[in-house]
Structures are given as C-alpha cells and as structure tokens.
C-alpha cells in the first residue's frame, strides 16, 4: 500500500508537466475520465463537476499557516 501511495504522490507532482505533453485526444480522454460535467463559455471553463472518485482530490481542504494558505495533500 505504501508503494502505491508513493507512486501516486510522484504522479501528482508531475501531473501538469505530463498533461502538457499529451495529445489532444489524450487530454480529452482524461477529461472524460475525471469530470462528469464541464461547462465552457466563450472557450473558457465556466464550471465543472468531478466524478465521485476524483471529487476528493479537487475539493481538498485548505489550511492557514501564518500568512499563507496551503492545500492539504
């Protein structure tokens, strides 16, 4: 289990860089995998709803540490 958590943590650290190298079709597949609803207005994301399995990752709590607000991982 620890190995899975560490692998997932590494993937999440590199997710943005990995996403940038994806083809348009791969990005579309990821969007379908993660989101149940995406609303675009004038080509810009207006709102979204994640599928239940991903909702917890998108709605992580934030905590105030000094003057900075940080997302809990």
C-alpha atoms as a PDB file:
ATOM      1  CA  UNK A   1       0.000   0.000   0.000  1.00  0.00           C
ATOM      2  CA  UNK A   2       2.832   2.403   0.852  1.00  0.00           C
ATOM      3  CA  UNK A   3       4.356   1.810  -2.592  1.00  0.00           C
ATOM      4  CA  UNK A   4       1.012   2.733  -4.214  1.00  0.00           C
ATOM      5  CA  UNK A   5       0.773   5.946  -2.166  1.00  0.00           C
ATOM      6  CA  UNK A   6       4.329   6.943  -3.056  1.00  0.00           C
ATOM      7  CA  UNK A   7       3.759   6.220  -6.764  1.00  0.00           C
ATOM      8  CA  UNK A   8       0.543   8.238  -6.722  1.00  0.00           C
ATOM      9  CA  UNK A   9       2.316  11.098  -4.946  1.00  0.00           C
ATOM     10  CA  UNK A  10       5.043  11.160  -7.606  1.00  0.00           C
ATOM     11  CA  UNK A  11       2.444  11.121 -10.381  1.00  0.00           C
ATOM     12  CA  UNK A  12       0.575  14.051  -8.819  1.00  0.00           C
ATOM     13  CA  UNK A  13       3.805  16.072  -8.505  1.00  0.00           C
ATOM     14  CA  UNK A  14       4.395  15.667 -12.245  1.00  0.00           C
ATOM     15  CA  UNK A  15       0.773  15.786 -13.435  1.00  0.00           C
ATOM     16  CA  UNK A  16       0.923  19.267 -15.003  1.00  0.00           C
ATOM     17  CA  UNK A  17       4.111  18.507 -16.941  1.00  0.00           C
ATOM     18  CA  UNK A  18       2.731  15.157 -18.100  1.00  0.00           C
ATOM     19  CA  UNK A  19      -0.546  16.768 -19.198  1.00  0.00           C
ATOM     20  CA  UNK A  20       1.302  19.337 -21.310  1.00  0.00           C
ATOM     21  CA  UNK A  21       2.935  16.540 -23.323  1.00  0.00           C
ATOM     22  CA  UNK A  22      -0.373  14.755 -24.020  1.00  0.00           C
ATOM     23  CA  UNK A  23      -2.068  14.821 -27.401  1.00  0.00           C
ATOM     24  CA  UNK A  24      -5.482  16.484 -27.719  1.00  0.00           C
ATOM     25  CA  UNK A  25      -7.123  13.040 -27.797  1.00  0.00           C
ATOM     26  CA  UNK A  26      -5.340  12.004 -24.572  1.00  0.00           C
ATOM     27  CA  UNK A  27      -6.415  15.244 -22.876  1.00  0.00           C
ATOM     28  CA  UNK A  28      -9.995  14.600 -23.973  1.00  0.00           C
ATOM     29  CA  UNK A  29      -9.872  11.058 -22.553  1.00  0.00           C
ATOM     30  CA  UNK A  30      -8.525  12.387 -19.248  1.00  0.00           C
ATOM     31  CA  UNK A  31     -11.308  14.968 -19.074  1.00  0.00           C
ATOM     32  CA  UNK A  32     -13.924  12.253 -19.682  1.00  0.00           C
ATOM     33  CA  UNK A  33     -12.306  10.062 -17.025  1.00  0.00           C
ATOM     34  CA  UNK A  34     -12.200  12.780 -14.348  1.00  0.00           C
ATOM     35  CA  UNK A  35     -15.229  15.010 -14.988  1.00  0.00           C
ATOM     36  CA  UNK A  36     -18.938  14.304 -15.275  1.00  0.00           C
ATOM     37  CA  UNK A  37     -19.661  17.874 -16.364  1.00  0.00           C
ATOM     38  CA  UNK A  38     -17.596  20.655 -17.961  1.00  0.00           C
ATOM     39  CA  UNK A  39     -19.192  23.948 -18.963  1.00  0.00           C
ATOM     40  CA  UNK A  40     -17.357  26.304 -21.309  1.00  0.00           C
ATOM     41  CA  UNK A  41     -18.410  29.883 -22.004  1.00  0.00           C
ATOM     42  CA  UNK A  42     -16.673  31.653 -24.894  1.00  0.00           C
ATOM     43  CA  UNK A  43     -13.995  28.950 -24.893  1.00  0.00           C
ATOM     44  CA  UNK A  44     -13.222  29.414 -21.173  1.00  0.00           C
ATOM     45  CA  UNK A  45     -14.015  26.969 -18.374  1.00  0.00           C
ATOM     46  CA  UNK A  46     -17.050  28.335 -16.514  1.00  0.00           C
ATOM     47  CA  UNK A  47     -17.755  25.414 -14.169  1.00  0.00           C
ATOM     48  CA  UNK A  48     -17.095  21.727 -13.682  1.00  0.00           C
ATOM     49  CA  UNK A  49     -18.225  18.706 -11.697  1.00  0.00           C
ATOM     50  CA  UNK A  50     -15.832  15.861 -10.980  1.00  0.00           C
ATOM     51  CA  UNK A  51     -16.827  12.228 -10.922  1.00  0.00           C
ATOM     52  CA  UNK A  52     -17.115  10.891  -7.348  1.00  0.00           C
ATOM     53  CA  UNK A  53     -13.748   9.086  -7.428  1.00  0.00           C
ATOM     54  CA  UNK A  54     -11.936  12.358  -8.229  1.00  0.00           C
ATOM     55  CA  UNK A  55     -14.083  14.776  -6.254  1.00  0.00           C
ATOM     56  CA  UNK A  56     -11.992  14.411  -3.100  1.00  0.00           C
ATOM     57  CA  UNK A  57      -8.839  15.420  -5.000  1.00  0.00           C
ATOM     58  CA  UNK A  58     -10.455  18.553  -6.398  1.00  0.00           C
ATOM     59  CA  UNK A  59     -12.086  19.589  -3.105  1.00  0.00           C
ATOM     60  CA  UNK A  60      -9.157  19.232  -0.716  1.00  0.00           C
ATOM     61  CA  UNK A  61      -9.320  21.406   2.377  1.00  0.00           C
ATOM     62  CA  UNK A  62      -7.006  24.399   2.782  1.00  0.00           C
ATOM     63  CA  UNK A  63      -5.296  25.479   5.976  1.00  0.00           C
ATOM     64  CA  UNK A  64      -3.846  28.821   7.013  1.00  0.00           C
ATOM     65  CA  UNK A  65      -0.188  28.661   8.038  1.00  0.00           C
ATOM     66  CA  UNK A  66       0.983  32.100   9.030  1.00  0.00           C
ATOM     67  CA  UNK A  67       0.102  34.416   6.153  1.00  0.00           C
ATOM     68  CA  UNK A  68      -0.067  31.606   3.568  1.00  0.00           C
ATOM     69  CA  UNK A  69      -2.996  29.366   2.680  1.00  0.00           C
ATOM     70  CA  UNK A  70      -1.920  25.859   1.696  1.00  0.00           C
ATOM     71  CA  UNK A  71      -3.900  22.959   0.275  1.00  0.00           C
ATOM     72  CA  UNK A  72      -3.780  19.775   2.322  1.00  0.00           C
ATOM     73  CA  UNK A  73      -2.375  16.884   0.288  1.00  0.00           C
END
